Amino acid sequence: MTANERIRAALERRPVDRIPVDLWCTPEIGAVLRSYCGVTTDLDLFRALGLDNIVWVFVDDRSREGERAGAQSGGGAESGGSRTMWGVPLRDVQAGPAHYAEFGNPPRDDRKRVGGAAMSGGVVG
């Protein structure tokens, strides 16, 4: 199957030859992988790794105050957004040479915890 056929079949719940594979990584890890594979572009890296290259498109929305609100952790939040497109705060993380954004405070962090699981209205979430 081609990557396109594999992804379409998976989305339509039809049989596939293998699970579609994508890669999200920090820019630093991407640079290391491109160097290791001897390629210069992300598309060439996806081909070298045999990935299906699922492309995610994120809206770069702005709040009324002009703050970026369209970033998504793993999808460009590293470029400066402080909130996801859903308004969830992001925080900067520096891990060795890697820099990325991850969720700062979950929007429903006020829920009671039962045995490690969050409870909201009697439903485990």
C-alpha atoms as a PDB file:
ATOM      1  CA  MET A   1       0.000   0.000   0.000  1.00  0.00           C
ATOM      2  CA  THR A   2       1.092   3.553  -0.552  1.00  0.00           C
ATOM      3  CA  ALA A   3       1.071   5.963   2.397  1.00  0.00           C
ATOM      4  CA  ASN A   4      -2.059   7.634   1.005  1.00  0.00           C
ATOM      5  CA  GLU A   5      -3.878   4.311   0.570  1.00  0.00           C
ATOM      6  CA  ARG A   6      -2.831   3.189   4.065  1.00  0.00           C
ATOM      7  CA  ILE A   7      -4.034   6.377   5.768  1.00  0.00           C
ATOM      8  CA  ARG A   8      -7.343   6.447   3.861  1.00  0.00           C
ATOM      9  CA  ALA A   9      -8.000   2.779   4.631  1.00  0.00           C
ATOM     10  CA  ALA A  10      -7.229   3.298   8.322  1.00  0.00           C
ATOM     11  CA  LEU A  11      -9.546   6.331   8.491  1.00  0.00           C
ATOM     12  CA  GLU A  12     -12.275   4.301   6.776  1.00  0.00           C
ATOM     13  CA  ARG A  13     -11.658   1.349   9.147  1.00  0.00           C
ATOM     14  CA  ARG A  14     -10.614  -0.934   6.313  1.00  0.00           C
ATOM     15  CA  PRO A  15      -7.713  -3.429   6.547  1.00  0.00           C
ATOM     16  CA  VAL A  16      -4.181  -2.048   6.135  1.00  0.00           C
ATOM     17  CA  ASP A  17      -0.822  -3.703   5.557  1.00  0.00           C
ATOM     18  CA  ARG A  18       0.517  -1.952   8.683  1.00  0.00           C
ATOM     19  CA  ILE A  19      -0.474   0.862  11.007  1.00  0.00           C
ATOM     20  CA  PRO A  20       0.196   4.315   9.484  1.00  0.00           C
ATOM     21  CA  VAL A  21       3.255   5.893  11.097  1.00  0.00           C
ATOM     22  CA  ASP A  22       3.993   9.577  11.637  1.00  0.00           C
ATOM     23  CA  LEU A  23       6.767  11.380  13.526  1.00  0.00           C
ATOM     24  CA  TRP A  24       6.587  14.348  15.844  1.00  0.00           C
ATOM     25  CA  CYS A  25       9.871  15.511  17.308  1.00  0.00           C
ATOM     26  CA  THR A  26      11.612  18.633  18.510  1.00  0.00           C
ATOM     27  CA  PRO A  27      13.547  20.630  15.901  1.00  0.00           C
ATOM     28  CA  GLU A  28      16.804  19.459  17.512  1.00  0.00           C
ATOM     29  CA  ILE A  29      15.892  15.774  17.152  1.00  0.00           C
ATOM     30  CA  GLY A  30      14.747  16.415  13.576  1.00  0.00           C
ATOM     31  CA  ALA A  31      18.173  17.904  12.782  1.00  0.00           C
ATOM     32  CA  VAL A  32      19.943  14.863  14.265  1.00  0.00           C
ATOM     33  CA  LEU A  33      17.717  12.468  12.300  1.00  0.00           C
ATOM     34  CA  ARG A  34      18.214  14.394   9.033  1.00  0.00           C
ATOM     35  CA  SER A  35      21.985  14.308   9.574  1.00  0.00           C
ATOM     36  CA  TYR A  36      21.933  10.588  10.425  1.00  0.00           C
ATOM     37  CA  CYS A  37      19.871   9.772   7.328  1.00  0.00           C
ATOM     38  CA  GLY A  38      21.977  12.064   5.117  1.00  0.00           C
ATOM     39  CA  VAL A  39      19.044  14.222   4.020  1.00  0.00           C
ATOM     40  CA  THR A  40      18.304  17.938   4.265  1.00  0.00           C
ATOM     41  CA  THR A  41      14.502  18.230   4.226  1.00  0.00           C
ATOM     42  CA  ASP A  42      11.732  16.852   6.422  1.00  0.00           C
ATOM     43  CA  LEU A  43      10.034  15.241   3.419  1.00  0.00           C
ATOM     44  CA  ASP A  44      13.254  13.389   2.533  1.00  0.00           C
ATOM     45  CA  LEU A  45      13.553  12.338   6.197  1.00  0.00           C
ATOM     46  CA  PHE A  46      10.006  10.939   6.177  1.00  0.00           C
ATOM     47  CA  ARG A  47      10.836   8.973   3.026  1.00  0.00           C
ATOM     48  CA  ALA A  48      14.155   7.706   4.457  1.00  0.00           C
ATOM     49  CA  LEU A  49      12.385   6.483   7.608  1.00  0.00           C
ATOM     50  CA  GLY A  50       9.490   4.957   5.671  1.00  0.00           C
ATOM     51  CA  LEU A  51       6.948   7.195   7.401  1.00  0.00           C
ATOM     52  CA  ASP A  52       3.482   7.843   6.072  1.00  0.00           C
ATOM     53  CA  ASN A  53       3.949  11.597   6.551  1.00  0.00           C
ATOM     54  CA  ILE A  54       0.600  12.492   8.054  1.00  0.00           C
ATOM     55  CA  VAL A  55       0.456  16.287   7.824  1.00  0.00           C
ATOM     56  CA  TRP A  56      -1.222  18.286  10.561  1.00  0.00           C
ATOM     57  CA  VAL A  57      -2.463  21.804   9.907  1.00  0.00           C
ATOM     58  CA  PHE A  58      -2.820  24.159  12.847  1.00  0.00           C
ATOM     59  CA  VAL A  59      -4.575  27.501  12.900  1.00  0.00           C
ATOM     60  CA  ASP A  60      -2.428  30.418  14.051  1.00  0.00           C
ATOM     61  CA  ASP A  61      -5.200  32.289  15.829  1.00  0.00           C
ATOM     62  CA  ARG A  62      -4.686  35.357  18.025  1.00  0.00           C
ATOM     63  CA  SER A  63      -6.518  36.458  21.145  1.00  0.00           C
ATOM     64  CA  ARG A  64      -8.076  39.928  21.415  1.00  0.00           C
ATOM     65  CA  GLU A  65      -4.889  41.000  23.170  1.00  0.00           C
ATOM     66  CA  GLY A  66      -2.816  39.787  20.190  1.00  0.00           C
ATOM     67  CA  GLU A  67      -1.412  36.727  21.961  1.00  0.00           C
ATOM     68  CA  ARG A  68      -0.832  33.666  19.781  1.00  0.00           C
ATOM     69  CA  ALA A  69      -3.500  31.109  20.568  1.00  0.00           C
ATOM     70  CA  GLY A  70      -3.231  28.701  17.661  1.00  0.00           C
ATOM     71  CA  ALA A  71      -0.122  26.792  18.637  1.00  0.00           C
ATOM     72  CA  GLN A  72      -0.373  23.123  19.531  1.00  0.00           C
ATOM     73  CA  SER A  73       2.141  21.177  21.533  1.00  0.00           C
ATOM     74  CA  GLY A  74       4.148  19.226  18.993  1.00  0.00           C
ATOM     75  CA  GLY A  75       2.690  21.157  16.096  1.00  0.00           C
ATOM     76  CA  GLY A  76       4.522  24.449  16.099  1.00  0.00           C
ATOM     77  CA  ALA A  77       4.023  25.602  19.677  1.00  0.00           C
ATOM     78  CA  GLU A  78       7.791  25.813  19.825  1.00  0.00           C
ATOM     79  CA  SER A  79       7.554  28.876  17.600  1.00  0.00           C
ATOM     80  CA  GLY A  80       6.092  31.055  20.302  1.00  0.00           C
ATOM     81  CA  GLY A  81       2.461  30.344  21.138  1.00  0.00           C
ATOM     82  CA  SER A  82       1.627  30.326  24.829  1.00  0.00           C
ATOM     83  CA  ARG A  83      -1.771  28.623  24.486  1.00  0.00           C
ATOM     84  CA  THR A  84      -3.232  25.886  22.321  1.00  0.00           C
ATOM     85  CA  MET A  85      -6.019  26.608  19.850  1.00  0.00           C
ATOM     86  CA  TRP A  86      -8.379  25.514  22.665  1.00  0.00           C
ATOM     87  CA  GLY A  87      -6.916  28.041  25.106  1.00  0.00           C
ATOM     88  CA  VAL A  88      -4.958  25.532  27.210  1.00  0.00           C
ATOM     89  CA  PRO A  89      -1.804  27.194  28.605  1.00  0.00           C
ATOM     90  CA  LEU A  90       1.543  25.900  27.368  1.00  0.00           C
ATOM     91  CA  ARG A  91       4.860  26.073  29.170  1.00  0.00           C
ATOM     92  CA  ASP A  92       8.354  26.045  27.715  1.00  0.00           C
ATOM     93  CA  VAL A  93      10.489  22.991  28.442  1.00  0.00           C
ATOM     94  CA  GLN A  94      14.252  22.842  27.992  1.00  0.00           C
ATOM     95  CA  ALA A  95      15.563  19.260  28.043  1.00  0.00           C
ATOM     96  CA  GLY A  96      19.271  19.288  27.239  1.00  0.00           C
ATOM     97  CA  PRO A  97      19.586  20.860  23.794  1.00  0.00           C
ATOM     98  CA  ALA A  98      15.889  20.247  23.002  1.00  0.00           C
ATOM     99  CA  HIS A  99      13.310  22.988  23.476  1.00  0.00           C
ATOM    100  CA  TYR A 100       9.575  22.381  23.187  1.00  0.00           C
ATOM    101  CA  ALA A 101       6.209  23.347  24.652  1.00  0.00           C
ATOM    102  CA  GLU A 102       3.907  21.116  26.646  1.00  0.00           C
ATOM    103  CA  PHE A 103       0.631  21.612  28.471  1.00  0.00           C
ATOM    104  CA  GLY A 104       1.094  23.881  31.481  1.00  0.00           C
ATOM    105  CA  ASN A 105      -2.085  23.487  33.486  1.00  0.00           C
ATOM    106  CA  PRO A 106      -4.891  21.203  32.367  1.00  0.00           C
ATOM    107  CA  PRO A 107      -8.124  23.177  31.961  1.00  0.00           C
ATOM    108  CA  ARG A 108      -9.981  20.697  34.213  1.00  0.00           C
ATOM    109  CA  ASP A 109      -7.289  20.321  36.895  1.00  0.00           C
ATOM    110  CA  ASP A 110      -9.902  21.157  39.551  1.00  0.00           C
ATOM    111  CA  ARG A 111     -11.496  17.701  39.347  1.00  0.00           C
ATOM    112  CA  LYS A 112     -11.314  15.325  42.280  1.00  0.00           C
ATOM    113  CA  ARG A 113      -8.833  12.500  41.917  1.00  0.00           C
ATOM    114  CA  VAL A 114      -9.817   8.942  42.785  1.00  0.00           C
ATOM    115  CA  GLY A 115      -7.047   6.374  42.661  1.00  0.00           C
ATOM    116  CA  GLY A 116      -5.076   8.530  40.238  1.00  0.00           C
ATOM    117  CA  ALA A 117      -8.015   9.002  37.831  1.00  0.00           C
ATOM    118  CA  ALA A 118      -9.802  12.328  37.525  1.00  0.00           C
ATOM    119  CA  MET A 119     -13.499  12.267  38.377  1.00  0.00           C
ATOM    120  CA  SER A 120     -15.973  14.698  36.838  1.00  0.00           C
ATOM    121  CA  GLY A 121     -19.680  14.298  37.437  1.00  0.00           C
ATOM    122  CA  GLY A 122     -19.254  10.639  38.308  1.00  0.00           C
ATOM    123  CA  VAL A 123     -17.403   9.852  35.086  1.00  0.00           C
ATOM    124  CA  VAL A 124     -13.762   8.800  35.134  1.00  0.00           C
ATOM    125  CA  GLY A 125     -11.806  11.027  32.751  1.00  0.00           C
END
